[in-house]
Amino acid sequence: MLTMPITLTCWIVRFAPLLSKRVWEHTQVLLVGALLTPGQRTVTAVLRVLGLEREPQFQRYHRVLNRARWSSLAVARVLLGLVVETFVATGPMVIGIDETVERRRGTKIKARRIYRDPVRSSRSHMVKASGLRWLGAMVLAEIPWAGWAWALPFLTALCPSERYHQQRGQHHKALPEWAGQLIRLIRRWLPGREVIVVADSTYAVIELLKQVSDMPAVSLITRLRLDAALYAPLVPRKPGQNGRPRKKGARRPTLPNVLADPRTPWTPITVNNWYGGGRRAVEVCTDTAVWYHSGLPPVTVRWVLIRDPQDRLNHKPW
């Protein structure tokens, strides 16, 4: 029987009510082995690091993942509670959302497709990878002994390609739709806490921003498109005014025009730990506007432009 320290037992015992007694006995071995295994954390590697590579009934540990019935959402909720309790007990919660490609092969893996590799690709060079696309939600918390924020994942969702759903006659959900579903789930799991979601430009979508703006105490920070159609806030209607209600005000300049305009007011600030390189003096410009596209609901956003004051001849926004 596996003997574990009391400190570790107090943590993993939170997951015991989610599994049956027989499955829980094998799950403890997998949890402890996953913490000790270097490299890929497969079931075989876990058994090897714990000295169970010659276990006669080794298939029982594999069945925890491929046959036993347990709710991954319930496990994710408990894991999120442990992370919040340990690292972010008070204050706003910063949640990062991003997709990744898991390289998998096999005849039984039906959702495998070819996707753009977000790690090895750049703006001028695209690298493709074959595997499963997962959308992950992670807590961005300051780790005292590390000196910067770590991404602590607690929830993932498989996001198959559009062709996969078309071949099966199913409705396809794009990445922003999956992100909205995950954000709603996190909102229910963290009632009363302020949640700040951080994502890349893939999730700069009007529908997702509108959905998040309607949630209480939830904000979404993403990289806005530079060609986004921004408008002034809607002016209240006058008494007795006829006609269809307007959805937006007057058109405003695009962000590249704001950046090139010499009349744009800039505010100098100092950012600590700028991309891990220490303190950095930058200039920012911010304002509120209505992002609108024909056929889509208008959404009020706050945009922020950041530039390097030392590179005035080649200003590029961040």
Protein backbone atom coordinates (compact mmCIF):
# COMPACT_ATOMS: atom_id res chain seq x y z
CA MET A 1 0.00 0.00 0.00
CA LEU A 2 1.27 3.47 -0.90
CA THR A 3 2.31 5.59 2.08
CA MET A 4 2.13 9.36 1.56
CA PRO A 5 3.13 12.34 3.71
CA ILE A 6 0.37 13.94 5.78
CA THR A 7 0.79 17.27 3.96
CA LEU A 8 0.21 15.67 0.57
CA THR A 9 -2.67 13.56 1.89
CA CYS A 10 -4.51 16.68 3.09
CA TRP A 11 -4.45 18.00 -0.46
CA ILE A 12 -5.39 15.00 -2.54
CA VAL A 13 -8.07 13.77 -0.14
CA ARG A 14 -10.26 16.58 -1.52
CA PHE A 15 -10.72 14.48 -4.67
CA ALA A 16 -11.75 11.29 -2.84
CA PRO A 17 -15.55 12.00 -2.83
CA LEU A 18 -15.49 12.29 -6.63
CA LEU A 19 -14.33 8.69 -7.20
CA SER A 20 -15.39 5.26 -6.05
CA LYS A 21 -13.33 3.46 -3.40
CA ARG A 22 -11.74 1.03 -5.86
CA VAL A 23 -10.83 3.74 -8.37
CA TRP A 24 -9.55 6.05 -5.63
CA GLU A 25 -6.93 3.49 -4.52
CA HIS A 26 -5.36 3.52 -7.98
CA THR A 27 -5.85 7.27 -8.45
CA GLN A 28 -3.64 8.05 -5.45
CA VAL A 29 -0.80 6.15 -7.08
CA LEU A 30 -1.24 8.05 -10.33
CA LEU A 31 -1.34 11.43 -8.55
CA VAL A 32 1.82 10.85 -6.56
CA GLY A 33 3.63 9.33 -9.52
CA ALA A 34 2.69 12.28 -11.75
CA LEU A 35 4.40 14.62 -9.27
CA LEU A 36 7.60 12.54 -9.27
CA THR A 37 7.80 11.62 -12.95
CA PRO A 38 10.20 13.65 -15.12
CA GLY A 39 9.37 14.14 -18.79
CA GLN A 40 6.11 12.81 -20.18
CA ARG A 41 3.67 11.81 -17.46
CA THR A 42 2.27 8.62 -18.92
CA VAL A 43 0.80 5.80 -16.85
CA THR A 44 3.79 3.61 -17.71
CA ALA A 45 6.25 6.30 -16.56
CA VAL A 46 4.28 6.79 -13.34
CA LEU A 47 4.40 3.08 -12.48
CA ARG A 48 8.09 2.93 -13.31
CA VAL A 49 9.07 5.83 -11.05
CA LEU A 50 7.15 4.26 -8.14
CA GLY A 51 8.75 0.85 -8.66
CA LEU A 52 5.55 -0.76 -9.96
CA GLU A 53 6.76 -1.53 -13.47
CA ARG A 54 6.32 -5.28 -12.77
CA GLU A 55 2.84 -4.92 -11.26
CA PRO A 56 0.76 -7.94 -12.50
CA GLN A 57 -2.47 -5.92 -12.62
CA PHE A 58 -0.97 -2.84 -14.26
CA GLN A 59 -3.99 -2.46 -16.56
CA ARG A 60 -6.10 -1.32 -13.62
CA TYR A 61 -4.18 1.97 -13.56
CA HIS A 62 -4.86 2.51 -17.25
CA ARG A 63 -8.56 1.92 -16.69
CA VAL A 64 -8.72 4.92 -14.34
CA LEU A 65 -8.35 7.11 -17.44
CA ASN A 66 -9.99 5.09 -20.21
CA ARG A 67 -12.81 3.18 -18.50
CA ALA A 68 -13.63 4.41 -15.00
CA ARG A 69 -16.56 6.81 -14.69
CA TRP A 70 -15.81 10.14 -13.02
CA SER A 71 -16.53 13.77 -13.86
CA SER A 72 -13.59 15.78 -15.13
CA LEU A 73 -15.55 19.00 -14.49
CA ALA A 74 -15.98 18.10 -10.84
CA VAL A 75 -12.25 17.38 -10.56
CA ALA A 76 -11.44 20.70 -12.27
CA ARG A 77 -13.66 22.57 -9.83
CA VAL A 78 -11.92 21.04 -6.81
CA LEU A 79 -8.51 21.74 -8.37
CA LEU A 80 -9.45 25.37 -8.97
CA GLY A 81 -10.52 25.69 -5.35
CA LEU A 82 -7.16 24.36 -4.15
CA VAL A 83 -5.21 26.74 -6.40
CA VAL A 84 -7.28 29.73 -5.33
CA GLU A 85 -7.01 28.83 -1.66
CA THR A 86 -3.23 28.48 -1.89
CA PHE A 87 -2.11 31.30 -4.19
CA VAL A 88 -4.98 33.80 -4.70
CA ALA A 89 -7.03 33.76 -1.52
CA THR A 90 -8.03 37.43 -1.86
CA GLY A 91 -8.23 40.04 -4.57
CA PRO A 92 -9.11 39.68 -8.27
CA MET A 93 -8.58 36.39 -10.05
CA VAL A 94 -6.51 36.52 -13.26
CA ILE A 95 -7.41 33.66 -15.62
CA GLY A 96 -5.47 32.97 -18.82
CA ILE A 97 -7.10 31.24 -21.78
CA ASP A 98 -5.08 29.79 -24.64
CA GLU A 99 -5.09 26.84 -27.01
CA THR A 100 -2.40 24.22 -27.54
CA VAL A 101 -1.87 21.26 -29.85
CA GLU A 102 -1.20 17.84 -28.33
CA ARG A 103 0.70 15.62 -30.75
CA ARG A 104 -1.06 12.27 -30.74
CA ARG A 105 -1.15 9.32 -33.13
CA GLY A 106 -3.37 6.30 -33.33
CA THR A 107 -6.25 4.84 -35.28
CA LYS A 108 -8.71 5.39 -32.42
CA ILE A 109 -7.99 9.12 -32.13
CA LYS A 110 -10.74 10.53 -34.34
CA ALA A 111 -10.45 14.26 -33.52
CA ARG A 112 -6.83 14.51 -34.70
CA ARG A 113 -6.28 17.18 -37.37
CA ILE A 114 -3.54 19.49 -38.65
CA TYR A 115 -3.38 22.85 -36.89
CA ARG A 116 -1.08 25.83 -36.71
CA ASP A 117 1.56 25.34 -34.04
CA PRO A 118 1.28 28.48 -31.85
CA VAL A 119 4.64 27.87 -30.16
CA ARG A 120 6.92 27.39 -33.16
CA SER A 121 5.08 29.70 -35.57
CA SER A 122 5.69 33.42 -36.02
CA ARG A 123 4.18 36.23 -38.08
CA SER A 124 6.35 35.42 -41.10
CA HIS A 125 6.67 31.66 -40.70
CA MET A 126 3.89 29.15 -39.98
CA VAL A 127 4.53 25.66 -38.65
CA LYS A 128 1.80 23.02 -38.77
CA ALA A 129 1.37 20.20 -36.29
CA SER A 130 -0.85 17.12 -36.31
CA GLY A 131 -2.69 16.33 -33.11
CA LEU A 132 -5.53 17.31 -30.82
CA ARG A 133 -6.39 20.94 -30.15
CA TRP A 134 -7.13 21.75 -26.53
CA LEU A 135 -8.36 25.00 -25.02
CA GLY A 136 -7.01 25.47 -21.52
CA ALA A 137 -7.93 27.78 -18.65
CA MET A 138 -5.21 28.55 -16.13
CA VAL A 139 -4.79 30.69 -13.03
CA LEU A 140 -2.06 33.34 -13.43
CA ALA A 141 -0.67 33.67 -9.91
CA GLU A 142 2.44 35.28 -8.46
CA ILE A 143 4.64 32.52 -7.06
CA PRO A 144 6.72 33.92 -4.17
CA TRP A 145 9.76 31.67 -4.66
CA ALA A 146 9.75 32.04 -8.47
CA GLY A 147 9.70 35.82 -8.72
CA TRP A 148 7.05 36.01 -11.46
CA ALA A 149 3.61 34.73 -12.39
CA TRP A 150 3.05 31.08 -13.24
CA ALA A 151 0.23 29.65 -15.33
CA LEU A 152 -1.48 26.93 -13.28
CA PRO A 153 -3.93 25.03 -15.56
CA PHE A 154 -7.06 23.55 -14.04
CA LEU A 155 -9.50 23.03 -16.93
CA THR A 156 -9.17 21.94 -20.58
CA ALA A 157 -11.67 21.41 -23.37
CA LEU A 158 -11.16 19.48 -26.61
CA CYS A 159 -11.86 21.74 -29.61
CA PRO A 160 -12.10 19.66 -32.80
CA SER A 161 -11.83 21.25 -36.23
CA GLU A 162 -14.73 22.36 -38.41
CA ARG A 163 -14.16 19.46 -40.81
CA TYR A 164 -14.47 17.00 -37.93
CA HIS A 165 -17.96 18.27 -37.09
CA GLN A 166 -19.03 18.52 -40.73
CA GLN A 167 -18.21 14.86 -41.32
CA ARG A 168 -20.46 13.91 -38.41
CA GLY A 169 -23.26 16.38 -39.10
CA GLN A 170 -22.64 18.26 -35.85
CA HIS A 171 -22.67 21.95 -35.02
CA HIS A 172 -19.18 23.40 -35.00
CA LYS A 173 -18.08 25.67 -32.18
CA ALA A 174 -15.18 28.00 -32.83
CA LEU A 175 -12.54 28.81 -30.22
CA PRO A 176 -14.29 32.02 -29.04
CA GLU A 177 -17.48 30.03 -28.42
CA TRP A 178 -15.56 27.48 -26.36
CA ALA A 179 -13.89 30.34 -24.48
CA GLY A 180 -17.27 31.87 -23.65
CA GLN A 181 -18.48 28.54 -22.31
CA LEU A 182 -15.40 28.17 -20.10
CA ILE A 183 -15.72 31.73 -18.78
CA ARG A 184 -19.37 31.15 -17.84
CA LEU A 185 -18.35 27.98 -16.02
CA ILE A 186 -15.58 29.76 -14.12
CA ARG A 187 -18.00 32.54 -13.18
CA ARG A 188 -20.32 29.99 -11.57
CA TRP A 189 -17.42 28.33 -9.76
CA LEU A 190 -16.14 31.64 -8.31
CA PRO A 191 -19.19 33.56 -7.13
CA GLY A 192 -18.41 36.88 -5.53
CA ARG A 193 -14.85 37.06 -6.91
CA GLU A 194 -13.67 39.53 -9.52
CA VAL A 195 -12.41 37.59 -12.54
CA ILE A 196 -10.04 39.06 -15.14
CA VAL A 197 -9.59 36.89 -18.24
CA VAL A 198 -6.48 37.37 -20.40
CA ALA A 199 -6.33 36.02 -23.97
CA ASP A 200 -4.62 36.69 -27.30
CA SER A 201 -6.06 38.26 -30.45
CA THR A 202 -7.88 35.03 -31.39
CA TYR A 203 -10.51 35.93 -28.82
CA ALA A 204 -10.93 39.58 -29.84
CA VAL A 205 -14.43 38.85 -31.14
CA ILE A 206 -17.44 41.12 -30.69
CA GLU A 207 -19.77 38.28 -29.68
CA LEU A 208 -17.39 37.06 -26.96
CA LEU A 209 -16.71 40.56 -25.64
CA LYS A 210 -20.44 41.28 -25.50
CA GLN A 211 -21.07 38.01 -23.68
CA VAL A 212 -18.37 38.76 -21.11
CA SER A 213 -19.56 42.36 -20.63
CA ASP A 214 -22.97 41.05 -19.57
CA MET A 215 -21.43 38.90 -16.82
CA PRO A 216 -21.11 40.48 -13.37
CA ALA A 217 -17.56 41.19 -12.14
CA VAL A 218 -15.88 39.66 -15.23
CA SER A 219 -13.45 41.46 -17.58
CA LEU A 220 -11.67 40.28 -20.72
CA ILE A 221 -8.28 41.67 -21.77
CA THR A 222 -7.25 40.82 -25.32
CA ARG A 223 -5.32 42.29 -28.22
CA LEU A 224 -7.78 44.36 -30.25
CA ARG A 225 -7.62 44.45 -34.02
CA LEU A 226 -5.93 47.63 -35.25
CA ASP A 227 -8.55 48.03 -37.99
CA ALA A 228 -11.49 47.66 -35.61
CA ALA A 229 -14.38 50.03 -36.38
CA LEU A 230 -14.65 52.20 -33.26
CA TYR A 231 -17.45 54.68 -32.62
CA ALA A 232 -18.35 57.25 -30.01
CA PRO A 233 -20.80 56.24 -27.27
CA LEU A 234 -24.45 56.52 -28.13
CA VAL A 235 -26.02 59.92 -27.52
CA PRO A 236 -29.32 59.72 -25.57
CA ARG A 237 -32.42 60.25 -27.68
CA LYS A 238 -34.23 63.53 -27.41
CA PRO A 239 -37.85 63.55 -26.18
CA GLY A 240 -40.22 62.97 -29.08
CA GLN A 241 -37.43 62.02 -31.51
CA ASN A 242 -38.65 59.76 -34.31
CA GLY A 243 -36.86 57.03 -36.22
CA ARG A 244 -35.14 53.81 -35.38
CA PRO A 245 -32.88 53.97 -32.30
CA ARG A 246 -29.21 54.28 -33.11
CA LYS A 247 -26.68 51.71 -31.90
CA LYS A 248 -23.56 53.88 -31.99
CA GLY A 249 -22.30 57.43 -32.20
CA ALA A 250 -19.95 59.11 -34.65
CA ARG A 251 -17.08 57.17 -36.21
CA ARG A 252 -13.71 57.55 -34.48
CA PRO A 253 -10.22 57.22 -35.97
CA THR A 254 -8.69 53.78 -36.14
CA LEU A 255 -5.91 52.87 -33.72
CA PRO A 256 -3.06 53.30 -36.29
CA ASN A 257 -4.31 56.84 -36.96
CA VAL A 258 -4.40 57.55 -33.23
CA LEU A 259 -0.83 56.31 -32.95
CA ALA A 260 0.39 58.51 -35.83
CA ASP A 261 -1.52 61.63 -34.74
CA PRO A 262 0.91 64.11 -33.09
CA ARG A 263 -1.98 65.54 -31.03
CA THR A 264 -2.57 62.24 -29.22
CA PRO A 265 -1.91 62.67 -25.47
CA TRP A 266 0.49 60.12 -24.03
CA THR A 267 1.01 59.33 -20.35
CA PRO A 268 4.41 58.01 -19.19
CA ILE A 269 4.34 55.05 -16.81
CA THR A 270 6.85 52.51 -15.49
CA VAL A 271 6.07 48.80 -15.75
CA ASN A 272 7.73 46.35 -13.38
CA ASN A 273 9.12 43.08 -14.75
CA TRP A 274 8.49 43.92 -18.41
CA TYR A 275 8.60 40.52 -20.14
CA GLY A 276 11.02 39.34 -17.46
CA GLY A 277 13.51 42.11 -18.24
CA GLY A 278 13.05 44.38 -15.22
CA ARG A 279 11.52 47.84 -15.10
CA ARG A 280 10.57 49.55 -18.36
CA ALA A 281 9.43 53.15 -19.02
CA VAL A 282 6.66 53.28 -21.64
CA GLU A 283 3.92 55.65 -22.76
CA VAL A 284 0.23 54.76 -22.86
CA CYS A 285 -2.90 56.23 -24.39
CA THR A 286 -6.36 54.94 -23.52
CA ASP A 287 -10.01 55.76 -24.09
CA THR A 288 -13.41 54.10 -24.29
CA ALA A 289 -15.29 53.44 -27.52
CA VAL A 290 -18.04 51.33 -29.02
CA TRP A 291 -16.89 48.48 -31.26
CA TYR A 292 -19.56 47.76 -33.82
CA HIS A 293 -19.95 45.67 -36.96
CA SER A 294 -23.05 45.38 -39.09
CA GLY A 295 -25.26 42.53 -37.91
CA LEU A 296 -23.49 42.16 -34.55
CA PRO A 297 -24.33 43.66 -31.16
CA PRO A 298 -22.37 46.79 -30.19
CA VAL A 299 -20.00 46.43 -27.27
CA THR A 300 -18.28 49.11 -25.22
CA VAL A 301 -14.54 48.54 -24.88
CA ARG A 302 -11.58 50.33 -23.36
CA TRP A 303 -8.61 50.31 -25.70
CA VAL A 304 -5.02 50.92 -24.65
CA LEU A 305 -2.06 51.78 -26.88
CA ILE A 306 1.47 51.31 -25.52
CA ARG A 307 4.59 52.61 -27.23
CA ASP A 308 8.30 52.83 -26.49
CA PRO A 309 9.36 56.46 -26.03
CA GLN A 310 12.96 55.61 -26.96
CA ASP A 311 11.96 54.45 -30.46
CA ARG A 312 10.13 57.51 -31.76
CA LEU A 313 11.08 56.88 -35.40
CA ASN A 314 9.48 53.48 -35.56
CA HIS A 315 6.49 53.48 -33.26
CA LYS A 316 4.71 50.16 -33.02
CA PRO A 317 1.82 49.59 -30.63
CA TRP A 318 1.70 46.70 -28.17
